[in-house]
Amino acid sequence: MTTTTAPSGAAPARSSSSARVATAATVGTALESYDFYTYSYFAAFFAGPFFFSALGEAGALAASFATIGIAFVVRPLGAILFGHLGDRIGRRSTLLITIALMGIATGLVGLLPTGEGWALLGAIALVVLRIAQGLSIGGEWGGAVLLATEHADARRRPFFASLPQLGSPIGSVAAGGLMLVMFFGLGPEAMAAWGWRVPFLIAIPLIAVSLYLRWSIDETPVFKELAAKGQRERNPVWAAIRTQPGAFGVAILVALLGIGSYSLMNTYTMGYGVTALGFDEMQLLAAATIGGLLQFVTVPGFGALATRIGSARVVALGAAGTLLIAFPIYWVLGSATFGVLVALMIVGGILPTASWAALGGTMQELFRGRHAYSALSVAYALAAVLSGFIPYLTTELGVLTGGAWWHPGVVLALLSALTLVGAIMAGRMRRLGDEDADAAQAAIPEETPAPA
């Protein structure tokens, strides 16, 4: 691969630009996560009584949770749509659309009418807005990773690829913290009357900040290089599937633990801890929040490690470590005190976080630049859809095993093993080299040649 040497004065400017771009990318993924958790709390407490009360108590709760699933189902469609746009009109332009769609849809949820006369109209509008949010989410992550990495030099791309992953803990902590403060400060009656609208309406100023940050940055050098050379794919989704089918399978395997462990530990294990193990809801929420705060340090830390040893190796280390603790962690959990619970959430969160932090860097290295947005978005969306079924499948496994203490460990171990295999395969594929991807990434000058 041909490389050039950047002037000594150019590196600081590029570093500053990379940091600003990474901030713009991370804000979007944080808003995505904030929306997901805000709506999850809303679905658990308010959506059923407000919009689906005619279905009865059980039916209303089921319908409200189904609206969560809608966003997962349409996510691959959003990945195809916005992936196509991202590879045709540019990363920056597409991400302006996705973040605007997400913010507007989230804000409008907070304006929905409630009451008996509005239930049907509100339910229809809610479903439509959830579809819009799901489409937006499908096109957000892949573009955010490319935005962060295609502005950075080759040596630091693994680190900058980890920064959009901070969006998940930022969003979850912000949503959970805001809901806790409002519940304690306003009380249940005020929350049901009007307080539930506030977390959704906050998305409106957040979207303004996000749009400003993304508007103020330039298109990525990689995409500008592809456009200047006339190398944009006419149908990037099909081109990615046709030319790199194996990379899709590997990318999905690589993503399973990072996404799936969150569904298992922050969704299923929360309910399991209350119903089967006797923990208080606030104890579990506090432990999960502490684990989320810790990710503010561990995610960039593992991203920095990936710049030294490679993203795929960091994913593999996280998967191997999680595989080793999958059963012990649930065995200890059965008789844990609150202090031990916090320790388990920290230990059980750090190792999967390694796979999560290095996920973007690993997947970004798998796909060619001219269809990278489509490939990243579709592969990630498919992994997210599969992971969305993990709480349900773990519940069914618990029924089949009579609630045996080890049944969640089976799921966590399986996720770890699949991601470990995927990471090993990803590392081998990258070592084989991808001349097209390397040529596209070489649009940014480097001070030292990148490894072949």
Protein backbone atom coordinates (compact mmCIF):
# COMPACT_ATOMS: atom_id res chain seq x y z
CA MET A 1 0.00 0.00 0.00
CA THR A 2 1.33 3.43 -0.92
CA THR A 3 1.51 5.94 1.89
CA THR A 4 2.66 9.52 2.19
CA THR A 5 4.16 11.50 5.00
CA ALA A 6 2.10 14.31 6.47
CA PRO A 7 3.78 17.66 7.17
CA SER A 8 4.74 18.10 10.77
CA GLY A 9 2.18 20.84 11.27
CA ALA A 10 -0.70 18.82 9.80
CA ALA A 11 -1.05 16.17 12.47
CA PRO A 12 -2.40 18.37 15.28
CA ALA A 13 -5.10 19.82 13.01
CA ARG A 14 -6.15 16.34 11.91
CA SER A 15 -6.23 15.16 15.52
CA SER A 16 -8.44 18.08 16.52
CA SER A 17 -10.77 17.41 13.59
CA SER A 18 -10.94 13.71 14.47
CA ALA A 19 -11.92 14.51 18.05
CA ARG A 20 -14.65 16.91 16.94
CA VAL A 21 -15.99 14.41 14.42
CA ALA A 22 -15.94 11.60 17.00
CA THR A 23 -17.96 13.81 19.33
CA ALA A 24 -20.55 14.40 16.61
CA ALA A 25 -20.73 10.65 15.97
CA THR A 26 -21.05 9.75 19.66
CA VAL A 27 -23.82 12.25 20.32
CA GLY A 28 -26.00 10.45 17.79
CA THR A 29 -25.49 7.00 19.28
CA ALA A 30 -26.13 8.46 22.74
CA LEU A 31 -29.44 9.90 21.57
CA GLU A 32 -30.32 6.51 20.08
CA SER A 33 -29.62 4.81 23.41
CA TYR A 34 -31.43 7.52 25.36
CA ASP A 35 -34.51 7.00 23.22
CA PHE A 36 -34.40 3.22 23.62
CA TYR A 37 -34.27 3.31 27.41
CA THR A 38 -36.70 6.21 27.77
CA TYR A 39 -39.24 4.41 25.65
CA SER A 40 -38.63 1.12 27.50
CA TYR A 41 -39.54 2.79 30.80
CA PHE A 42 -42.54 4.47 29.16
CA ALA A 43 -43.74 1.14 27.74
CA ALA A 44 -43.42 -0.54 31.12
CA PHE A 45 -45.36 2.08 33.08
CA PHE A 46 -47.57 4.23 30.85
CA ALA A 47 -48.03 3.08 27.23
CA GLY A 48 -50.47 0.29 28.08
CA PRO A 49 -52.91 2.32 30.21
CA PHE A 50 -52.73 5.34 27.89
CA PHE A 51 -53.16 3.70 24.50
CA PHE A 52 -54.10 0.03 24.83
CA SER A 53 -56.43 -0.12 27.85
CA ALA A 54 -59.23 -1.63 25.72
CA LEU A 55 -57.16 -4.84 25.51
CA GLY A 56 -57.30 -5.45 29.25
CA GLU A 57 -54.41 -5.26 31.70
CA ALA A 58 -52.43 -8.20 30.32
CA GLY A 59 -53.17 -7.30 26.70
CA ALA A 60 -52.24 -3.66 27.24
CA LEU A 61 -48.88 -4.61 28.72
CA ALA A 62 -48.20 -7.05 25.87
CA ALA A 63 -49.14 -4.42 23.27
CA SER A 64 -46.92 -1.80 24.88
CA PHE A 65 -43.94 -4.18 24.86
CA ALA A 66 -44.74 -5.08 21.25
CA THR A 67 -44.16 -1.44 20.32
CA ILE A 68 -40.59 -1.90 21.59
CA GLY A 69 -40.18 -4.85 19.23
CA ILE A 70 -41.44 -2.86 16.24
CA ALA A 71 -38.27 -0.76 16.24
CA PHE A 72 -36.15 -3.93 16.13
CA VAL A 73 -38.16 -5.44 13.28
CA VAL A 74 -37.84 -2.41 10.99
CA ARG A 75 -34.20 -1.76 11.88
CA PRO A 76 -32.83 -3.82 8.95
CA LEU A 77 -35.05 -1.83 6.58
CA GLY A 78 -33.53 1.36 7.95
CA ALA A 79 -30.07 -0.15 7.52
CA ILE A 80 -30.77 -0.89 3.85
CA LEU A 81 -32.32 2.52 3.18
CA PHE A 82 -29.80 4.71 4.97
CA GLY A 83 -26.89 2.42 4.14
CA HIS A 84 -27.68 3.00 0.47
CA LEU A 85 -27.83 6.76 1.01
CA GLY A 86 -24.62 6.74 3.05
CA ASP A 87 -22.71 5.06 0.24
CA ARG A 88 -24.33 7.22 -2.46
CA ILE A 89 -24.70 10.77 -1.08
CA GLY A 90 -22.23 10.64 1.81
CA ARG A 91 -21.84 9.74 5.47
CA ARG A 92 -22.40 13.25 6.85
CA SER A 93 -25.55 14.01 4.84
CA THR A 94 -27.14 10.69 5.73
CA LEU A 95 -26.39 11.06 9.42
CA LEU A 96 -28.03 14.47 9.41
CA ILE A 97 -31.19 12.76 8.16
CA THR A 98 -31.08 9.88 10.66
CA ILE A 99 -30.51 12.09 13.68
CA ALA A 100 -33.24 14.52 12.62
CA LEU A 101 -35.69 11.65 12.12
CA MET A 102 -34.84 10.17 15.50
CA GLY A 103 -35.11 13.44 17.40
CA ILE A 104 -38.37 14.55 15.78
CA ALA A 105 -40.03 11.16 16.28
CA THR A 106 -38.90 10.98 19.91
CA GLY A 107 -40.10 14.50 20.64
CA LEU A 108 -43.49 13.84 19.04
CA VAL A 109 -44.06 10.87 21.36
CA GLY A 110 -44.08 13.41 24.18
CA LEU A 111 -46.86 15.35 22.44
CA LEU A 112 -49.23 12.45 21.84
CA PRO A 113 -52.79 12.98 23.14
CA THR A 114 -54.05 10.66 25.88
CA GLY A 115 -57.47 9.86 27.29
CA GLU A 116 -60.33 7.60 26.30
CA GLY A 117 -61.31 9.61 23.24
CA TRP A 118 -57.76 9.64 21.89
CA ALA A 119 -56.67 6.06 22.61
CA LEU A 120 -57.01 4.68 19.07
CA LEU A 121 -55.48 7.71 17.36
CA GLY A 122 -52.69 7.81 19.94
CA ALA A 123 -51.95 4.10 19.49
CA ILE A 124 -51.71 4.45 15.69
CA ALA A 125 -49.50 7.52 15.99
CA LEU A 126 -47.30 5.74 18.54
CA VAL A 127 -46.74 2.79 16.20
CA VAL A 128 -45.90 5.13 13.31
CA LEU A 129 -43.38 7.03 15.44
CA ARG A 130 -41.79 3.80 16.64
CA ILE A 131 -41.38 2.72 13.01
CA ALA A 132 -39.68 6.03 12.26
CA GLN A 133 -37.36 5.57 15.24
CA GLY A 134 -36.51 2.03 14.19
CA LEU A 135 -35.66 3.13 10.65
CA SER A 136 -33.42 5.87 12.03
CA ILE A 137 -31.63 3.50 14.40
CA GLY A 138 -30.95 1.14 11.50
CA GLY A 139 -28.92 3.78 9.70
CA GLU A 140 -27.24 5.47 12.68
CA TRP A 141 -24.59 3.11 14.04
CA GLY A 142 -22.76 2.17 10.85
CA GLY A 143 -22.57 5.79 9.75
CA ALA A 144 -21.37 6.93 13.17
CA VAL A 145 -18.50 4.43 13.12
CA LEU A 146 -17.48 5.47 9.61
CA LEU A 147 -17.76 9.15 10.45
CA ALA A 148 -15.43 8.68 13.42
CA THR A 149 -12.91 6.41 11.67
CA GLU A 150 -12.74 7.83 8.15
CA HIS A 151 -11.57 11.18 9.54
CA ALA A 152 -8.77 9.51 11.55
CA ASP A 153 -5.41 8.14 10.49
CA ALA A 154 -5.03 4.37 10.26
CA ARG A 155 -3.15 3.93 13.53
CA ARG A 156 -5.88 5.56 15.66
CA ARG A 157 -8.97 4.24 13.89
CA PRO A 158 -9.58 1.46 16.46
CA PHE A 159 -9.70 4.05 19.24
CA PHE A 160 -12.02 6.42 17.40
CA ALA A 161 -14.22 3.48 16.40
CA SER A 162 -14.74 2.77 20.11
CA LEU A 163 -16.05 6.25 20.91
CA PRO A 164 -19.50 5.85 19.31
CA GLN A 165 -19.89 2.84 21.61
CA LEU A 166 -19.94 5.28 24.53
CA GLY A 167 -23.37 6.31 23.33
CA SER A 168 -24.94 3.24 24.93
CA PRO A 169 -23.84 3.92 28.54
CA ILE A 170 -24.35 7.67 28.11
CA GLY A 171 -27.91 7.17 26.91
CA SER A 172 -28.81 4.49 29.44
CA VAL A 173 -27.43 6.41 32.43
CA ALA A 174 -29.09 9.64 31.27
CA ALA A 175 -32.48 8.00 30.73
CA GLY A 176 -32.38 5.94 33.92
CA GLY A 177 -31.11 8.82 36.03
CA LEU A 178 -33.71 11.24 34.69
CA MET A 179 -36.56 8.80 35.29
CA LEU A 180 -35.41 8.10 38.85
CA VAL A 181 -35.13 11.82 39.65
CA MET A 182 -38.53 12.57 38.20
CA PHE A 183 -40.27 9.67 39.94
CA PHE A 184 -38.85 10.70 43.31
CA GLY A 185 -39.32 14.41 42.71
CA LEU A 186 -42.80 14.45 41.17
CA GLY A 187 -44.41 11.29 42.46
CA PRO A 188 -46.42 8.73 40.46
CA GLU A 189 -49.53 10.89 39.98
CA ALA A 190 -47.69 13.84 38.42
CA MET A 191 -45.62 11.47 36.31
CA ALA A 192 -48.77 9.86 34.92
CA ALA A 193 -50.45 13.24 34.38
CA TRP A 194 -47.66 15.08 32.53
CA GLY A 195 -44.20 14.17 33.82
CA TRP A 196 -43.77 11.25 31.41
CA ARG A 197 -43.69 13.72 28.52
CA VAL A 198 -40.58 15.54 29.74
CA PRO A 199 -37.95 12.89 28.85
CA PHE A 200 -39.31 12.73 25.29
CA LEU A 201 -39.51 16.49 24.85
CA ILE A 202 -35.90 16.83 26.00
CA ALA A 203 -34.98 15.09 22.74
CA ILE A 204 -35.86 18.28 20.85
CA PRO A 205 -33.00 20.44 22.23
CA LEU A 206 -30.75 17.40 22.08
CA ILE A 207 -31.48 17.02 18.38
CA ALA A 208 -30.63 20.68 17.85
CA VAL A 209 -27.20 20.15 19.43
CA SER A 210 -26.64 16.96 17.45
CA LEU A 211 -27.58 18.60 14.16
CA TYR A 212 -25.26 21.52 14.86
CA LEU A 213 -22.33 19.24 15.61
CA ARG A 214 -22.85 17.17 12.49
CA TRP A 215 -23.54 20.17 10.29
CA SER A 216 -20.28 21.81 11.40
CA ILE A 217 -18.06 18.94 10.21
CA ASP A 218 -16.95 18.02 6.73
CA GLU A 219 -17.70 14.91 4.69
CA THR A 220 -15.18 12.13 5.32
CA PRO A 221 -12.02 12.10 3.17
CA VAL A 222 -12.68 8.45 2.30
CA PHE A 223 -16.09 9.16 0.76
CA LYS A 224 -14.81 12.27 -1.04
CA GLU A 225 -12.02 10.16 -2.53
CA LEU A 226 -14.46 7.50 -3.69
CA ALA A 227 -16.78 10.13 -5.20
CA ALA A 228 -13.92 11.95 -6.94
CA LYS A 229 -12.75 8.68 -8.55
CA GLY A 230 -16.27 7.65 -9.54
CA GLN A 231 -16.10 4.52 -7.37
CA ARG A 232 -19.48 4.80 -5.63
CA GLU A 233 -21.58 1.66 -5.96
CA ARG A 234 -24.88 1.94 -7.82
CA ASN A 235 -26.44 -0.63 -5.47
CA PRO A 236 -24.14 -0.82 -2.45
CA VAL A 237 -26.22 -3.26 -0.38
CA TRP A 238 -26.30 -5.84 -3.15
CA ALA A 239 -22.63 -5.22 -3.97
CA ALA A 240 -21.68 -5.87 -0.35
CA ILE A 241 -23.68 -9.11 -0.18
CA ARG A 242 -22.45 -10.31 -3.58
CA THR A 243 -18.76 -9.58 -3.08
CA GLN A 244 -18.33 -10.16 0.67
CA PRO A 245 -20.93 -12.70 1.86
CA GLY A 246 -18.50 -14.29 4.30
CA ALA A 247 -17.72 -10.96 5.92
CA PHE A 248 -21.42 -10.49 6.71
CA GLY A 249 -21.57 -13.76 8.63
CA VAL A 250 -18.37 -12.96 10.50
CA ALA A 251 -19.56 -9.43 11.35
CA ILE A 252 -22.81 -10.75 12.82
CA LEU A 253 -20.91 -13.25 14.97
CA VAL A 254 -18.52 -10.53 16.16
CA ALA A 255 -21.46 -8.31 17.19
CA LEU A 256 -23.50 -10.91 19.09
CA LEU A 257 -21.80 -10.68 22.50
CA GLY A 258 -21.50 -6.90 22.60
CA ILE A 259 -25.18 -6.40 21.76
CA GLY A 260 -26.61 -9.62 23.19
CA SER A 261 -24.96 -9.43 26.61
CA TYR A 262 -26.69 -6.09 27.14
CA SER A 263 -30.07 -7.67 26.38
CA LEU A 264 -29.28 -10.59 28.67
CA MET A 265 -27.79 -8.79 31.65
CA ASN A 266 -29.71 -5.49 31.57
CA THR A 267 -33.10 -6.90 30.56
CA TYR A 268 -33.51 -10.57 31.42
CA THR A 269 -31.20 -10.66 34.44
CA MET A 270 -32.94 -7.60 35.93
CA GLY A 271 -36.31 -9.37 35.90
CA TYR A 272 -34.76 -12.69 36.92
CA GLY A 273 -33.03 -11.04 39.84
CA VAL A 274 -36.33 -9.69 41.17
CA THR A 275 -38.64 -12.64 40.56
CA ALA A 276 -36.31 -15.58 41.16
CA LEU A 277 -33.48 -14.27 43.33
CA GLY A 278 -35.40 -11.81 45.52
CA PHE A 279 -33.41 -8.64 44.84
CA ASP A 280 -35.06 -5.25 45.10
CA GLU A 281 -35.63 -3.39 41.81
CA MET A 282 -33.71 -0.35 43.04
CA GLN A 283 -30.74 -2.52 44.01
CA LEU A 284 -30.53 -3.98 40.54
CA LEU A 285 -31.00 -0.59 38.90
CA ALA A 286 -28.28 0.91 41.09
CA ALA A 287 -25.89 -1.95 40.28
CA ALA A 288 -26.60 -1.61 36.55
CA THR A 289 -26.07 2.17 36.73
CA ILE A 290 -22.70 1.69 38.43
CA GLY A 291 -21.75 -0.73 35.66
CA GLY A 292 -22.85 1.81 33.05
CA LEU A 293 -20.79 4.57 34.63
CA LEU A 294 -17.76 2.30 34.61
CA GLN A 295 -18.07 1.98 30.84
CA PHE A 296 -17.16 5.65 30.51
CA VAL A 297 -13.64 4.51 31.39
CA THR A 298 -13.51 0.96 30.06
CA VAL A 299 -14.82 1.68 26.54
CA PRO A 300 -12.11 4.21 25.56
CA GLY A 301 -9.59 2.12 27.50
CA PHE A 302 -10.30 -0.94 25.39
CA GLY A 303 -10.34 1.28 22.32
CA ALA A 304 -6.83 2.43 23.17
CA LEU A 305 -5.78 -1.19 23.65
CA ALA A 306 -7.17 -2.00 20.20
CA THR A 307 -4.79 0.53 18.64
CA ARG A 308 -1.91 -1.51 20.06
CA ILE A 309 -2.96 -5.11 19.49
CA GLY A 310 -5.81 -4.82 16.98
CA SER A 311 -9.59 -4.60 17.29
CA ALA A 312 -10.30 -8.25 16.53
CA ARG A 313 -7.94 -9.38 19.28
CA VAL A 314 -9.66 -7.16 21.84
CA VAL A 315 -13.04 -8.61 20.81
CA ALA A 316 -11.58 -12.11 21.16
CA LEU A 317 -10.12 -11.35 24.61
CA GLY A 318 -13.47 -10.05 25.83
CA ALA A 319 -15.32 -13.06 24.44
CA ALA A 320 -12.85 -15.56 25.90
CA GLY A 321 -12.96 -13.90 29.32
CA THR A 322 -16.77 -13.79 29.32
CA LEU A 323 -16.89 -17.46 28.35
CA LEU A 324 -14.79 -18.31 31.41
CA ILE A 325 -17.03 -16.43 33.86
CA ALA A 326 -20.42 -17.17 32.26
CA PHE A 327 -21.37 -19.96 34.67
CA PRO A 328 -19.51 -18.83 37.83
CA ILE A 329 -21.15 -15.40 37.73
CA TYR A 330 -24.68 -16.84 37.82
CA TRP A 331 -23.73 -19.45 40.43
CA VAL A 332 -22.49 -16.71 42.79
CA LEU A 333 -25.46 -14.48 41.94
CA GLY A 334 -27.89 -16.97 43.50
CA SER A 335 -26.68 -16.15 47.03
CA ALA A 336 -25.13 -12.70 46.55
CA THR A 337 -25.43 -9.74 48.89
CA PHE A 338 -25.84 -6.24 47.44
CA GLY A 339 -22.10 -5.63 47.59
CA VAL A 340 -21.40 -8.87 45.75
CA LEU A 341 -24.14 -7.98 43.27
CA VAL A 342 -22.38 -4.73 42.40
CA ALA A 343 -19.07 -6.57 42.07
CA LEU A 344 -20.66 -9.14 39.78
CA MET A 345 -22.24 -6.44 37.60
CA ILE A 346 -18.84 -4.75 37.31
CA VAL A 347 -16.89 -7.94 36.52
CA GLY A 348 -19.64 -9.29 34.30
CA GLY A 349 -19.81 -5.97 32.48
CA ILE A 350 -16.11 -5.29 31.92
CA LEU A 351 -15.35 -8.36 29.81
CA PRO A 352 -18.28 -8.06 27.37
CA THR A 353 -17.46 -4.34 27.18
CA ALA A 354 -14.13 -5.26 25.59
CA SER A 355 -16.00 -6.93 22.75
CA TRP A 356 -18.43 -4.02 22.58
CA ALA A 357 -15.70 -1.34 22.54
CA ALA A 358 -13.73 -2.98 19.73
CA LEU A 359 -16.80 -3.99 17.70
CA GLY A 360 -16.84 -0.92 15.44
CA GLY A 361 -13.14 -1.17 14.66
CA THR A 362 -13.37 -4.87 13.84
CA MET A 363 -16.40 -4.53 11.58
CA GLN A 364 -15.06 -1.42 9.87
CA GLU A 365 -11.95 -3.36 8.85
CA LEU A 366 -14.01 -6.14 7.26
CA PHE A 367 -15.79 -4.19 4.52
CA ARG A 368 -14.67 -2.23 1.46
CA GLY A 369 -15.00 1.53 1.67
CA ARG A 370 -17.31 1.93 -1.31
CA HIS A 371 -20.09 -0.10 0.33
CA ALA A 372 -18.98 0.11 3.95
CA TYR A 373 -21.99 2.11 5.20
CA SER A 374 -24.47 -0.44 3.83
CA ALA A 375 -22.48 -3.45 5.01
CA LEU A 376 -21.87 -2.15 8.52
CA SER A 377 -25.47 -1.04 8.98
CA VAL A 378 -27.09 -4.24 7.69
CA ALA A 379 -24.76 -6.60 9.59
CA TYR A 380 -25.22 -4.67 12.83
CA ALA A 381 -29.00 -4.48 12.37
CA LEU A 382 -29.27 -8.23 11.80
CA ALA A 383 -27.21 -8.92 14.92
CA ALA A 384 -29.43 -6.53 16.89
CA VAL A 385 -32.59 -8.29 15.69
CA LEU A 386 -31.20 -11.66 16.75
CA SER A 387 -30.16 -10.22 20.11
CA GLY A 388 -33.62 -8.81 20.63
CA PHE A 389 -34.95 -12.35 21.11
CA ILE A 390 -32.41 -13.23 23.81
CA PRO A 391 -34.60 -12.32 26.83
CA TYR A 392 -37.45 -14.41 25.41
CA LEU A 393 -35.24 -17.40 24.58
CA THR A 394 -33.56 -17.25 27.99
CA THR A 395 -36.99 -17.24 29.64
CA GLU A 396 -38.03 -20.31 27.66
CA LEU A 397 -34.78 -22.06 28.59
CA GLY A 398 -35.49 -21.27 32.23
CA VAL A 399 -38.90 -22.93 31.91
CA LEU A 400 -37.41 -26.01 30.24
CA THR A 401 -34.73 -26.38 32.94
CA GLY A 402 -37.06 -25.73 35.83
CA GLY A 403 -35.37 -22.43 36.65
CA ALA A 404 -31.91 -24.00 37.10
CA TRP A 405 -29.34 -21.44 38.25
CA TRP A 406 -27.15 -22.12 35.22
CA HIS A 407 -29.66 -21.45 32.44
CA PRO A 408 -28.64 -17.77 31.84
CA GLY A 409 -25.02 -18.92 31.86
CA VAL A 410 -25.74 -21.19 28.90
CA VAL A 411 -26.93 -18.23 26.86
CA LEU A 412 -24.01 -16.01 27.88
CA ALA A 413 -21.52 -18.79 27.15
CA LEU A 414 -23.06 -19.43 23.73
CA LEU A 415 -22.91 -15.73 22.83
CA SER A 416 -19.28 -15.61 23.97
CA ALA A 417 -18.29 -18.69 21.99
CA LEU A 418 -19.92 -17.44 18.78
CA THR A 419 -18.27 -14.03 19.10
CA LEU A 420 -14.90 -15.64 19.86
CA VAL A 421 -15.14 -17.66 16.65
CA GLY A 422 -16.17 -14.55 14.73
CA ALA A 423 -13.28 -12.49 16.15
CA ILE A 424 -10.72 -15.15 15.21
CA MET A 425 -12.12 -15.31 11.68
CA ALA A 426 -12.20 -11.50 11.42
CA GLY A 427 -8.54 -11.30 12.43
CA ARG A 428 -7.59 -13.83 9.77
CA MET A 429 -9.62 -12.06 7.09
CA ARG A 430 -7.94 -8.76 7.91
CA ARG A 431 -4.48 -10.30 7.79
CA LEU A 432 -5.22 -11.58 4.29
CA GLY A 433 -5.55 -7.93 3.30
CA ASP A 434 -8.19 -6.03 1.38
CA GLU A 435 -6.55 -3.83 -1.22
CA ASP A 436 -9.74 -1.94 -2.02
CA ALA A 437 -10.37 -1.06 1.61
CA ASP A 438 -6.75 -0.10 2.18
CA ALA A 439 -6.76 2.12 -0.90
CA ALA A 440 -9.90 3.91 0.26
CA GLN A 441 -8.60 4.40 3.78
CA ALA A 442 -5.32 5.74 2.38
CA ALA A 443 -7.11 8.94 1.39
CA ILE A 444 -5.84 10.36 4.70
CA PRO A 445 -2.04 10.78 4.83
CA GLU A 446 -0.25 8.82 7.51
CA GLU A 447 2.99 9.54 9.27
CA THR A 448 4.00 5.89 9.15
CA PRO A 449 2.90 3.12 6.80
CA ALA A 450 -0.08 1.09 7.98
CA PRO A 451 0.37 -2.67 8.36
CA ALA A 452 -0.60 -4.69 5.33
